[in-house]
Amino acid sequence: MSQLSAQQCEACSVDAPRVTEDDIAEYRKEVPEWQIIERDGIMQLERTFTFKDFVQALDFTQRVGDIAEQADHHPAILTEYGKVTVTWWSHKIKGLHKNDFILAARTDEVAK
């Protein structure tokens, strides 16, 4: 278990601070395979995972959904034959929060 994935998510309000460039540099060390993308002016964390078939991809999707529900923080998930793309960002602040990196790290653990 990574240090990041072991941390607790905090309730995120509209006025919660977005991560800084320094925060991003620190957190990315634990989730190096995640890409930071920008969609509609909103920074997001995204990674595509590959699987042998649709059944494995669907199982992974469900497990990511389970950790999302536990944290009450929900990603965009695109499930296709043999791959799943997971995108984390904090909707309330329209950007990245520490919670997104925590859940990216937990997503990596689910994939192992």
N, C-alpha and C. Protein backbone atom coordinates (compact mmCIF):
# COMPACT_ATOMS: atom_id res chain seq x y z
N MET A 1 0.85 -1.18 0.00
CA MET A 1 0.00 0.00 0.00
C MET A 1 0.90 1.24 0.00
N SER A 2 0.58 2.16 -0.88
CA SER A 2 1.37 3.39 -0.95
C SER A 2 0.99 4.32 0.20
N GLN A 3 1.86 5.27 0.49
CA GLN A 3 1.55 6.25 1.52
C GLN A 3 0.32 7.06 1.12
N LEU A 4 0.22 7.39 -0.12
CA LEU A 4 -0.90 8.21 -0.60
C LEU A 4 -2.22 7.45 -0.48
N SER A 5 -2.24 6.20 -0.89
CA SER A 5 -3.49 5.44 -0.87
C SER A 5 -3.97 5.16 0.55
N ALA A 6 -3.07 5.20 1.52
CA ALA A 6 -3.44 4.96 2.91
C ALA A 6 -4.07 6.18 3.57
N GLN A 7 -3.96 7.33 2.94
CA GLN A 7 -4.51 8.55 3.52
C GLN A 7 -6.02 8.60 3.32
N GLN A 8 -6.67 9.34 4.20
CA GLN A 8 -8.12 9.49 4.13
C GLN A 8 -8.50 10.67 3.24
N CYS A 9 -9.54 10.49 2.48
CA CYS A 9 -10.08 11.61 1.71
C CYS A 9 -10.80 12.55 2.67
N GLU A 10 -10.77 13.82 2.34
CA GLU A 10 -11.49 14.79 3.16
C GLU A 10 -12.67 15.33 2.36
N ALA A 11 -13.69 15.76 3.08
CA ALA A 11 -14.84 16.34 2.40
C ALA A 11 -14.38 17.56 1.61
N CYS A 12 -14.80 17.63 0.39
CA CYS A 12 -14.35 18.70 -0.50
C CYS A 12 -15.50 19.66 -0.75
N SER A 13 -15.32 20.90 -0.34
CA SER A 13 -16.35 21.92 -0.55
C SER A 13 -15.96 22.80 -1.74
N VAL A 14 -16.86 23.64 -2.16
CA VAL A 14 -16.64 24.51 -3.31
C VAL A 14 -15.42 25.41 -3.11
N ASP A 15 -15.13 25.77 -1.86
CA ASP A 15 -13.99 26.66 -1.61
C ASP A 15 -12.72 25.91 -1.20
N ALA A 16 -12.71 24.58 -1.36
CA ALA A 16 -11.51 23.80 -1.04
C ALA A 16 -10.40 24.18 -2.00
N PRO A 17 -9.17 24.18 -1.51
CA PRO A 17 -8.06 24.56 -2.40
C PRO A 17 -7.72 23.45 -3.39
N ARG A 18 -7.42 23.87 -4.60
CA ARG A 18 -6.90 22.93 -5.59
C ARG A 18 -5.44 22.64 -5.23
N VAL A 19 -4.92 21.54 -5.75
CA VAL A 19 -3.52 21.22 -5.52
C VAL A 19 -2.63 22.25 -6.22
N THR A 20 -1.47 22.49 -5.65
CA THR A 20 -0.49 23.40 -6.24
C THR A 20 0.43 22.60 -7.16
N GLU A 21 1.25 23.30 -7.91
CA GLU A 21 2.24 22.62 -8.76
C GLU A 21 3.19 21.78 -7.90
N ASP A 22 3.57 22.30 -6.73
CA ASP A 22 4.44 21.54 -5.82
C ASP A 22 3.74 20.28 -5.33
N ASP A 23 2.45 20.40 -4.98
CA ASP A 23 1.68 19.23 -4.56
C ASP A 23 1.65 18.18 -5.67
N ILE A 24 1.37 18.64 -6.88
CA ILE A 24 1.29 17.72 -8.02
C ILE A 24 2.62 16.98 -8.20
N ALA A 25 3.72 17.69 -8.12
CA ALA A 25 5.03 17.07 -8.28
C ALA A 25 5.26 15.99 -7.22
N GLU A 26 4.83 16.27 -5.99
CA GLU A 26 5.00 15.30 -4.90
C GLU A 26 4.09 14.09 -5.09
N TYR A 27 2.81 14.32 -5.36
CA TYR A 27 1.85 13.23 -5.48
C TYR A 27 2.10 12.36 -6.70
N ARG A 28 2.58 12.94 -7.77
CA ARG A 28 2.80 12.16 -9.00
C ARG A 28 3.88 11.11 -8.83
N LYS A 29 4.75 11.28 -7.84
CA LYS A 29 5.76 10.26 -7.57
C LYS A 29 5.11 8.92 -7.23
N GLU A 30 3.93 8.97 -6.62
CA GLU A 30 3.25 7.74 -6.23
C GLU A 30 2.27 7.23 -7.29
N VAL A 31 1.94 8.07 -8.26
CA VAL A 31 1.04 7.66 -9.33
C VAL A 31 1.63 8.08 -10.69
N PRO A 32 2.84 7.58 -10.99
CA PRO A 32 3.56 8.07 -12.18
C PRO A 32 2.91 7.72 -13.51
N GLU A 33 2.06 6.72 -13.55
CA GLU A 33 1.46 6.32 -14.82
C GLU A 33 0.20 7.11 -15.15
N TRP A 34 -0.22 7.97 -14.25
CA TRP A 34 -1.40 8.80 -14.50
C TRP A 34 -0.98 10.06 -15.24
N GLN A 35 -1.81 10.44 -16.19
CA GLN A 35 -1.56 11.65 -16.97
C GLN A 35 -2.44 12.78 -16.44
N ILE A 36 -1.89 13.96 -16.44
CA ILE A 36 -2.71 15.13 -16.12
C ILE A 36 -3.15 15.71 -17.45
N ILE A 37 -4.46 15.77 -17.61
CA ILE A 37 -5.03 16.30 -18.84
C ILE A 37 -5.92 17.49 -18.48
N GLU A 38 -6.26 18.26 -19.48
CA GLU A 38 -7.18 19.37 -19.26
C GLU A 38 -8.34 19.23 -20.24
N ARG A 39 -9.54 19.23 -19.71
CA ARG A 39 -10.77 19.18 -20.51
C ARG A 39 -11.65 20.34 -20.10
N ASP A 40 -12.04 21.12 -21.05
CA ASP A 40 -12.91 22.27 -20.78
C ASP A 40 -12.35 23.16 -19.67
N GLY A 41 -11.03 23.30 -19.66
CA GLY A 41 -10.38 24.16 -18.68
C GLY A 41 -10.24 23.53 -17.30
N ILE A 42 -10.53 22.23 -17.17
CA ILE A 42 -10.49 21.55 -15.88
C ILE A 42 -9.38 20.50 -15.89
N MET A 43 -8.42 20.63 -14.96
CA MET A 43 -7.35 19.63 -14.85
C MET A 43 -7.92 18.34 -14.27
N GLN A 44 -7.51 17.21 -14.87
CA GLN A 44 -7.99 15.91 -14.45
C GLN A 44 -6.84 14.91 -14.48
N LEU A 45 -6.97 13.84 -13.69
CA LEU A 45 -6.02 12.73 -13.70
C LEU A 45 -6.64 11.59 -14.49
N GLU A 46 -5.88 11.02 -15.41
CA GLU A 46 -6.45 9.97 -16.25
C GLU A 46 -5.43 8.87 -16.51
N ARG A 47 -5.94 7.65 -16.52
CA ARG A 47 -5.10 6.49 -16.84
C ARG A 47 -5.97 5.44 -17.50
N THR A 48 -5.39 4.75 -18.49
CA THR A 48 -6.07 3.64 -19.14
C THR A 48 -5.39 2.34 -18.70
N PHE A 49 -6.21 1.40 -18.28
CA PHE A 49 -5.76 0.08 -17.83
C PHE A 49 -6.18 -0.93 -18.89
N THR A 50 -5.33 -1.91 -19.16
CA THR A 50 -5.67 -2.92 -20.16
C THR A 50 -5.89 -4.28 -19.51
N PHE A 51 -6.77 -5.06 -20.15
CA PHE A 51 -7.16 -6.36 -19.63
C PHE A 51 -7.29 -7.35 -20.78
N LYS A 52 -7.37 -8.61 -20.42
CA LYS A 52 -7.45 -9.67 -21.41
C LYS A 52 -8.76 -9.63 -22.19
N ASP A 53 -9.84 -9.26 -21.51
CA ASP A 53 -11.15 -9.30 -22.16
C ASP A 53 -12.13 -8.35 -21.46
N PHE A 54 -13.35 -8.36 -21.92
CA PHE A 54 -14.37 -7.47 -21.37
C PHE A 54 -14.74 -7.85 -19.94
N VAL A 55 -14.77 -9.13 -19.64
CA VAL A 55 -15.15 -9.58 -18.29
C VAL A 55 -14.16 -9.02 -17.26
N GLN A 56 -12.87 -9.10 -17.54
CA GLN A 56 -11.88 -8.55 -16.61
C GLN A 56 -12.01 -7.03 -16.51
N ALA A 57 -12.25 -6.38 -17.63
CA ALA A 57 -12.42 -4.93 -17.63
C ALA A 57 -13.64 -4.54 -16.80
N LEU A 58 -14.71 -5.28 -16.95
CA LEU A 58 -15.94 -4.99 -16.20
C LEU A 58 -15.74 -5.24 -14.70
N ASP A 59 -15.02 -6.28 -14.35
CA ASP A 59 -14.72 -6.56 -12.94
C ASP A 59 -13.91 -5.42 -12.32
N PHE A 60 -12.92 -4.96 -13.05
CA PHE A 60 -12.11 -3.83 -12.57
C PHE A 60 -12.98 -2.58 -12.40
N THR A 61 -13.85 -2.33 -13.36
CA THR A 61 -14.75 -1.18 -13.28
C THR A 61 -15.57 -1.24 -12.00
N GLN A 62 -16.09 -2.40 -11.67
CA GLN A 62 -16.89 -2.56 -10.46
C GLN A 62 -16.05 -2.29 -9.20
N ARG A 63 -14.82 -2.79 -9.20
CA ARG A 63 -13.96 -2.58 -8.02
C ARG A 63 -13.59 -1.11 -7.86
N VAL A 64 -13.37 -0.40 -8.96
CA VAL A 64 -13.12 1.04 -8.88
C VAL A 64 -14.38 1.74 -8.37
N GLY A 65 -15.53 1.30 -8.85
CA GLY A 65 -16.79 1.86 -8.36
C GLY A 65 -16.96 1.66 -6.87
N ASP A 66 -16.53 0.51 -6.37
CA ASP A 66 -16.61 0.24 -4.93
C ASP A 66 -15.75 1.20 -4.11
N ILE A 67 -14.50 1.45 -4.56
CA ILE A 67 -13.66 2.37 -3.79
C ILE A 67 -14.18 3.80 -3.91
N ALA A 68 -14.78 4.13 -5.04
CA ALA A 68 -15.37 5.45 -5.22
C ALA A 68 -16.54 5.66 -4.26
N GLU A 69 -17.38 4.65 -4.14
CA GLU A 69 -18.52 4.75 -3.22
C GLU A 69 -18.06 4.87 -1.78
N GLN A 70 -17.04 4.09 -1.40
CA GLN A 70 -16.53 4.16 -0.04
C GLN A 70 -16.02 5.55 0.29
N ALA A 71 -15.41 6.22 -0.69
CA ALA A 71 -14.85 7.55 -0.46
C ALA A 71 -15.85 8.67 -0.76
N ASP A 72 -16.99 8.32 -1.34
CA ASP A 72 -17.99 9.29 -1.78
C ASP A 72 -17.36 10.31 -2.73
N HIS A 73 -16.55 9.78 -3.65
CA HIS A 73 -15.86 10.59 -4.65
C HIS A 73 -15.84 9.76 -5.92
N HIS A 74 -16.41 10.26 -7.00
CA HIS A 74 -16.71 9.42 -8.15
C HIS A 74 -16.02 9.87 -9.42
N PRO A 75 -15.34 8.94 -10.11
CA PRO A 75 -14.63 9.26 -11.35
C PRO A 75 -15.53 9.07 -12.57
N ALA A 76 -15.00 9.48 -13.69
CA ALA A 76 -15.57 9.08 -14.98
C ALA A 76 -14.87 7.77 -15.33
N ILE A 77 -15.64 6.79 -15.75
CA ILE A 77 -15.07 5.48 -16.10
C ILE A 77 -15.62 5.08 -17.47
N LEU A 78 -14.70 4.79 -18.38
CA LEU A 78 -15.09 4.29 -19.70
C LEU A 78 -14.60 2.85 -19.79
N THR A 79 -15.54 1.92 -19.88
CA THR A 79 -15.22 0.49 -19.95
C THR A 79 -15.44 0.02 -21.38
N GLU A 80 -14.38 -0.57 -21.94
CA GLU A 80 -14.43 -1.09 -23.30
C GLU A 80 -13.87 -2.51 -23.29
N TYR A 81 -13.94 -3.18 -24.43
CA TYR A 81 -13.35 -4.51 -24.51
C TYR A 81 -11.85 -4.41 -24.24
N GLY A 82 -11.41 -5.02 -23.16
CA GLY A 82 -9.98 -5.09 -22.87
C GLY A 82 -9.34 -3.83 -22.31
N LYS A 83 -10.14 -2.81 -22.02
CA LYS A 83 -9.52 -1.63 -21.40
C LYS A 83 -10.55 -0.79 -20.66
N VAL A 84 -10.03 -0.09 -19.65
CA VAL A 84 -10.85 0.81 -18.85
C VAL A 84 -10.07 2.10 -18.67
N THR A 85 -10.70 3.22 -18.96
CA THR A 85 -10.10 4.52 -18.72
C THR A 85 -10.79 5.15 -17.53
N VAL A 86 -9.98 5.52 -16.53
CA VAL A 86 -10.49 6.11 -15.30
C VAL A 86 -9.99 7.56 -15.24
N THR A 87 -10.90 8.47 -14.94
CA THR A 87 -10.56 9.89 -14.85
C THR A 87 -11.07 10.44 -13.53
N TRP A 88 -10.13 10.95 -12.73
CA TRP A 88 -10.47 11.55 -11.43
C TRP A 88 -10.31 13.06 -11.49
N TRP A 89 -11.24 13.78 -10.91
CA TRP A 89 -11.13 15.21 -10.65
C TRP A 89 -12.23 15.56 -9.66
N SER A 90 -12.10 16.71 -9.05
CA SER A 90 -13.08 17.13 -8.05
C SER A 90 -14.05 18.10 -8.70
N HIS A 91 -15.26 17.64 -8.86
CA HIS A 91 -16.29 18.39 -9.56
C HIS A 91 -16.58 19.73 -8.89
N LYS A 92 -16.64 19.73 -7.56
CA LYS A 92 -17.01 20.96 -6.84
C LYS A 92 -16.02 22.10 -7.06
N ILE A 93 -14.73 21.76 -7.16
CA ILE A 93 -13.72 22.82 -7.34
C ILE A 93 -13.26 22.93 -8.79
N LYS A 94 -13.83 22.09 -9.64
CA LYS A 94 -13.50 22.11 -11.07
C LYS A 94 -11.99 22.02 -11.30
N GLY A 95 -11.40 21.03 -10.64
CA GLY A 95 -9.96 20.82 -10.77
C GLY A 95 -9.50 19.67 -9.90
N LEU A 96 -8.21 19.65 -9.65
CA LEU A 96 -7.61 18.56 -8.88
C LEU A 96 -7.45 18.92 -7.41
N HIS A 97 -7.78 17.95 -6.57
CA HIS A 97 -7.65 18.03 -5.13
C HIS A 97 -6.81 16.83 -4.70
N LYS A 98 -6.28 16.87 -3.51
CA LYS A 98 -5.49 15.74 -3.01
C LYS A 98 -6.29 14.44 -3.08
N ASN A 99 -7.61 14.52 -2.86
CA ASN A 99 -8.45 13.32 -2.92
C ASN A 99 -8.29 12.58 -4.24
N ASP A 100 -8.13 13.32 -5.34
CA ASP A 100 -8.00 12.69 -6.65
C ASP A 100 -6.75 11.84 -6.73
N PHE A 101 -5.67 12.31 -6.15
CA PHE A 101 -4.42 11.55 -6.14
C PHE A 101 -4.52 10.34 -5.21
N ILE A 102 -5.20 10.51 -4.08
CA ILE A 102 -5.41 9.39 -3.17
C ILE A 102 -6.18 8.28 -3.89
N LEU A 103 -7.24 8.66 -4.58
CA LEU A 103 -8.04 7.65 -5.26
C LEU A 103 -7.36 7.09 -6.51
N ALA A 104 -6.51 7.86 -7.14
CA ALA A 104 -5.70 7.32 -8.24
C ALA A 104 -4.78 6.23 -7.69
N ALA A 105 -4.17 6.48 -6.54
CA ALA A 105 -3.29 5.48 -5.92
C ALA A 105 -4.08 4.24 -5.53
N ARG A 106 -5.28 4.42 -5.02
CA ARG A 106 -6.12 3.26 -4.68
C ARG A 106 -6.56 2.51 -5.93
N THR A 107 -6.79 3.23 -7.00
CA THR A 107 -7.15 2.59 -8.27
C THR A 107 -6.00 1.72 -8.76
N ASP A 108 -4.78 2.22 -8.64
CA ASP A 108 -3.61 1.43 -9.01
C ASP A 108 -3.55 0.13 -8.21
N GLU A 109 -3.87 0.21 -6.92
CA GLU A 109 -3.85 -0.99 -6.08
C GLU A 109 -4.92 -1.98 -6.49
N VAL A 110 -6.08 -1.49 -6.88
CA VAL A 110 -7.14 -2.37 -7.36
C VAL A 110 -6.71 -3.09 -8.63
N ALA A 111 -5.91 -2.44 -9.45
CA ALA A 111 -5.46 -3.02 -10.71
C ALA A 111 -4.41 -4.10 -10.53
N LYS A 112 -3.75 -4.13 -9.39
CA LYS A 112 -2.68 -5.12 -9.18
C LYS A 112 -3.23 -6.53 -9.03
